[in-house]
Amino acid sequence: MDRLALILLIIGGLNWGCIGLFRFDVIAAIFGGQVSSLSRVIYTIVALAAIWCISFLFREREIVRRKHPNN
């Protein structure tokens, strides 16, 4: 779930970058405009992914130790 949320958040961030730099909304262009139902669903899914990623700020970092052949 975390990886999917990050992928969606990256897509949303890149879309916002295109809007800010080029005034071009990729999602709207692909799915029929900002007010189309499909675009609004995509925007909502990306927003939910962003909300999910807020939880990353409050999680403990897990340290993964891999066994090294020389240890």
N, C-alpha and C. Protein backbone atom coordinates (compact mmCIF):
# COMPACT_ATOMS: atom_id res chain seq x y z
N MET A 1 0.82 -1.20 0.00
CA MET A 1 0.00 0.00 0.00
C MET A 1 0.87 1.26 0.00
N ASP A 2 1.97 1.23 0.78
CA ASP A 2 2.85 2.39 0.83
C ASP A 2 3.44 2.71 -0.53
N ARG A 3 3.90 1.69 -1.22
CA ARG A 3 4.52 1.90 -2.53
C ARG A 3 3.51 2.47 -3.53
N LEU A 4 2.29 1.95 -3.52
CA LEU A 4 1.25 2.45 -4.41
C LEU A 4 0.93 3.91 -4.10
N ALA A 5 0.84 4.24 -2.83
CA ALA A 5 0.57 5.62 -2.44
C ALA A 5 1.69 6.54 -2.91
N LEU A 6 2.94 6.09 -2.78
CA LEU A 6 4.05 6.92 -3.24
C LEU A 6 4.03 7.10 -4.74
N ILE A 7 3.71 6.06 -5.48
CA ILE A 7 3.63 6.16 -6.94
C ILE A 7 2.55 7.17 -7.34
N LEU A 8 1.39 7.08 -6.71
CA LEU A 8 0.31 8.02 -7.01
C LEU A 8 0.69 9.44 -6.64
N LEU A 9 1.39 9.59 -5.52
CA LEU A 9 1.81 10.93 -5.10
C LEU A 9 2.85 11.51 -6.05
N ILE A 10 3.73 10.68 -6.57
CA ILE A 10 4.70 11.14 -7.57
C ILE A 10 3.99 11.58 -8.84
N ILE A 11 3.02 10.79 -9.28
CA ILE A 11 2.23 11.17 -10.46
C ILE A 11 1.54 12.51 -10.24
N GLY A 12 0.94 12.68 -9.07
CA GLY A 12 0.28 13.94 -8.75
C GLY A 12 1.25 15.10 -8.70
N GLY A 13 2.42 14.87 -8.12
CA GLY A 13 3.43 15.92 -8.06
C GLY A 13 3.93 16.33 -9.43
N LEU A 14 4.14 15.34 -10.29
CA LEU A 14 4.57 15.66 -11.66
C LEU A 14 3.48 16.42 -12.41
N ASN A 15 2.24 16.04 -12.18
CA ASN A 15 1.13 16.77 -12.81
C ASN A 15 1.10 18.21 -12.33
N TRP A 16 1.27 18.44 -11.02
CA TRP A 16 1.29 19.81 -10.50
C TRP A 16 2.48 20.58 -11.05
N GLY A 17 3.60 19.89 -11.24
CA GLY A 17 4.75 20.55 -11.85
C GLY A 17 4.45 21.01 -13.27
N CYS A 18 3.76 20.17 -14.03
CA CYS A 18 3.36 20.55 -15.40
C CYS A 18 2.39 21.72 -15.39
N ILE A 19 1.49 21.72 -14.42
CA ILE A 19 0.55 22.84 -14.31
C ILE A 19 1.30 24.12 -13.98
N GLY A 20 2.22 24.05 -13.02
CA GLY A 20 2.96 25.24 -12.61
C GLY A 20 3.91 25.77 -13.67
N LEU A 21 4.58 24.88 -14.37
CA LEU A 21 5.57 25.32 -15.34
C LEU A 21 5.00 25.62 -16.71
N PHE A 22 4.05 24.79 -17.13
CA PHE A 22 3.58 24.87 -18.51
C PHE A 22 2.09 25.19 -18.65
N ARG A 23 1.40 25.33 -17.52
CA ARG A 23 -0.05 25.53 -17.53
C ARG A 23 -0.75 24.42 -18.30
N PHE A 24 -0.26 23.20 -18.11
CA PHE A 24 -0.82 22.05 -18.80
C PHE A 24 -1.13 20.96 -17.78
N ASP A 25 -2.40 20.61 -17.66
CA ASP A 25 -2.86 19.57 -16.74
C ASP A 25 -2.91 18.25 -17.50
N VAL A 26 -1.94 17.38 -17.23
CA VAL A 26 -1.84 16.11 -17.95
C VAL A 26 -3.07 15.23 -17.69
N ILE A 27 -3.50 15.16 -16.45
CA ILE A 27 -4.66 14.33 -16.10
C ILE A 27 -5.90 14.81 -16.84
N ALA A 28 -6.12 16.11 -16.84
CA ALA A 28 -7.28 16.66 -17.55
C ALA A 28 -7.18 16.39 -19.04
N ALA A 29 -5.98 16.51 -19.59
CA ALA A 29 -5.80 16.27 -21.03
C ALA A 29 -6.09 14.82 -21.40
N ILE A 30 -5.69 13.91 -20.54
CA ILE A 30 -5.89 12.48 -20.83
C ILE A 30 -7.34 12.06 -20.61
N PHE A 31 -7.94 12.56 -19.54
CA PHE A 31 -9.26 12.06 -19.14
C PHE A 31 -10.42 12.99 -19.42
N GLY A 32 -10.24 14.01 -20.25
CA GLY A 32 -11.39 14.78 -20.72
C GLY A 32 -11.71 16.05 -19.97
N GLY A 33 -10.73 16.71 -19.40
CA GLY A 33 -10.98 17.98 -18.73
C GLY A 33 -11.04 17.84 -17.23
N GLN A 34 -10.85 18.97 -16.55
CA GLN A 34 -10.82 18.95 -15.09
C GLN A 34 -12.15 18.60 -14.45
N VAL A 35 -13.24 18.86 -15.12
CA VAL A 35 -14.54 18.61 -14.52
C VAL A 35 -15.12 17.26 -14.91
N SER A 36 -14.41 16.49 -15.74
CA SER A 36 -14.94 15.17 -16.11
C SER A 36 -14.90 14.26 -14.89
N SER A 37 -15.81 13.34 -14.85
CA SER A 37 -15.91 12.43 -13.70
C SER A 37 -14.64 11.62 -13.51
N LEU A 38 -14.06 11.14 -14.58
CA LEU A 38 -12.86 10.32 -14.48
C LEU A 38 -11.68 11.14 -13.95
N SER A 39 -11.53 12.36 -14.39
CA SER A 39 -10.47 13.23 -13.86
C SER A 39 -10.66 13.47 -12.38
N ARG A 40 -11.87 13.73 -11.98
CA ARG A 40 -12.15 13.97 -10.56
C ARG A 40 -11.87 12.75 -9.72
N VAL A 41 -12.13 11.56 -10.25
CA VAL A 41 -11.81 10.32 -9.54
C VAL A 41 -10.29 10.20 -9.38
N ILE A 42 -9.53 10.47 -10.44
CA ILE A 42 -8.08 10.41 -10.38
C ILE A 42 -7.55 11.41 -9.37
N TYR A 43 -8.04 12.65 -9.39
CA TYR A 43 -7.61 13.67 -8.43
C TYR A 43 -7.90 13.20 -6.99
N THR A 44 -9.05 12.60 -6.78
CA THR A 44 -9.43 12.12 -5.45
C THR A 44 -8.52 10.99 -4.99
N ILE A 45 -8.20 10.07 -5.89
CA ILE A 45 -7.31 8.96 -5.54
C ILE A 45 -5.92 9.48 -5.18
N VAL A 46 -5.42 10.44 -5.93
CA VAL A 46 -4.12 11.03 -5.63
C VAL A 46 -4.17 11.75 -4.28
N ALA A 47 -5.25 12.45 -4.00
CA ALA A 47 -5.39 13.12 -2.71
C ALA A 47 -5.41 12.12 -1.56
N LEU A 48 -6.10 11.00 -1.74
CA LEU A 48 -6.12 9.96 -0.70
C LEU A 48 -4.74 9.36 -0.50
N ALA A 49 -3.99 9.22 -1.58
CA ALA A 49 -2.62 8.72 -1.47
C ALA A 49 -1.77 9.71 -0.67
N ALA A 50 -1.98 11.00 -0.90
CA ALA A 50 -1.23 12.02 -0.15
C ALA A 50 -1.57 11.96 1.33
N ILE A 51 -2.84 11.77 1.64
CA ILE A 51 -3.26 11.64 3.04
C ILE A 51 -2.61 10.42 3.67
N TRP A 52 -2.57 9.31 2.93
CA TRP A 52 -1.92 8.09 3.42
C TRP A 52 -0.44 8.36 3.72
N CYS A 53 0.21 9.10 2.83
CA CYS A 53 1.65 9.36 2.98
C CYS A 53 1.95 10.27 4.17
N ILE A 54 0.99 11.00 4.66
CA ILE A 54 1.19 11.80 5.88
C ILE A 54 1.59 10.89 7.03
N SER A 55 1.07 9.66 7.02
CA SER A 55 1.40 8.72 8.10
C SER A 55 2.89 8.38 8.12
N PHE A 56 3.60 8.57 7.02
CA PHE A 56 5.04 8.30 6.98
C PHE A 56 5.79 9.19 7.97
N LEU A 57 5.27 10.39 8.22
CA LEU A 57 5.92 11.32 9.13
C LEU A 57 5.89 10.83 10.57
N PHE A 58 4.94 9.98 10.90
CA PHE A 58 4.75 9.57 12.28
C PHE A 58 5.13 8.12 12.55
N ARG A 59 5.68 7.46 11.57
CA ARG A 59 6.09 6.08 11.73
C ARG A 59 7.53 6.01 12.22
N GLU A 60 7.79 4.97 12.99
CA GLU A 60 9.17 4.71 13.39
C GLU A 60 9.91 4.14 12.20
N ARG A 61 11.14 4.55 12.04
CA ARG A 61 11.95 4.01 10.94
C ARG A 61 12.46 2.64 11.35
N GLU A 62 12.29 1.72 10.46
CA GLU A 62 12.79 0.37 10.70
C GLU A 62 14.18 0.26 10.09
N ILE A 63 15.09 -0.24 10.87
CA ILE A 63 16.43 -0.45 10.37
C ILE A 63 16.54 -1.90 9.93
N VAL A 64 16.82 -2.07 8.68
CA VAL A 64 16.93 -3.41 8.13
C VAL A 64 18.42 -3.72 8.00
N ARG A 65 18.83 -4.76 8.70
CA ARG A 65 20.22 -5.18 8.61
C ARG A 65 20.30 -6.43 7.77
N ARG A 66 21.05 -6.32 6.72
CA ARG A 66 21.24 -7.46 5.85
C ARG A 66 22.51 -8.18 6.28
N LYS A 67 22.43 -9.47 6.20
CA LYS A 67 23.61 -10.25 6.55
C LYS A 67 24.65 -10.11 5.45
N HIS A 68 25.81 -9.73 5.86
CA HIS A 68 26.92 -9.60 4.93
C HIS A 68 27.77 -10.85 5.03
N PRO A 69 28.21 -11.40 3.92
CA PRO A 69 28.97 -12.65 3.96
C PRO A 69 30.23 -12.58 4.82
N ASN A 70 30.79 -11.38 5.02
CA ASN A 70 32.03 -11.25 5.80
C ASN A 70 31.78 -11.09 7.28
N ASN A 71 30.54 -11.03 7.72
CA ASN A 71 30.24 -10.85 9.15
C ASN A 71 30.11 -12.17 9.84
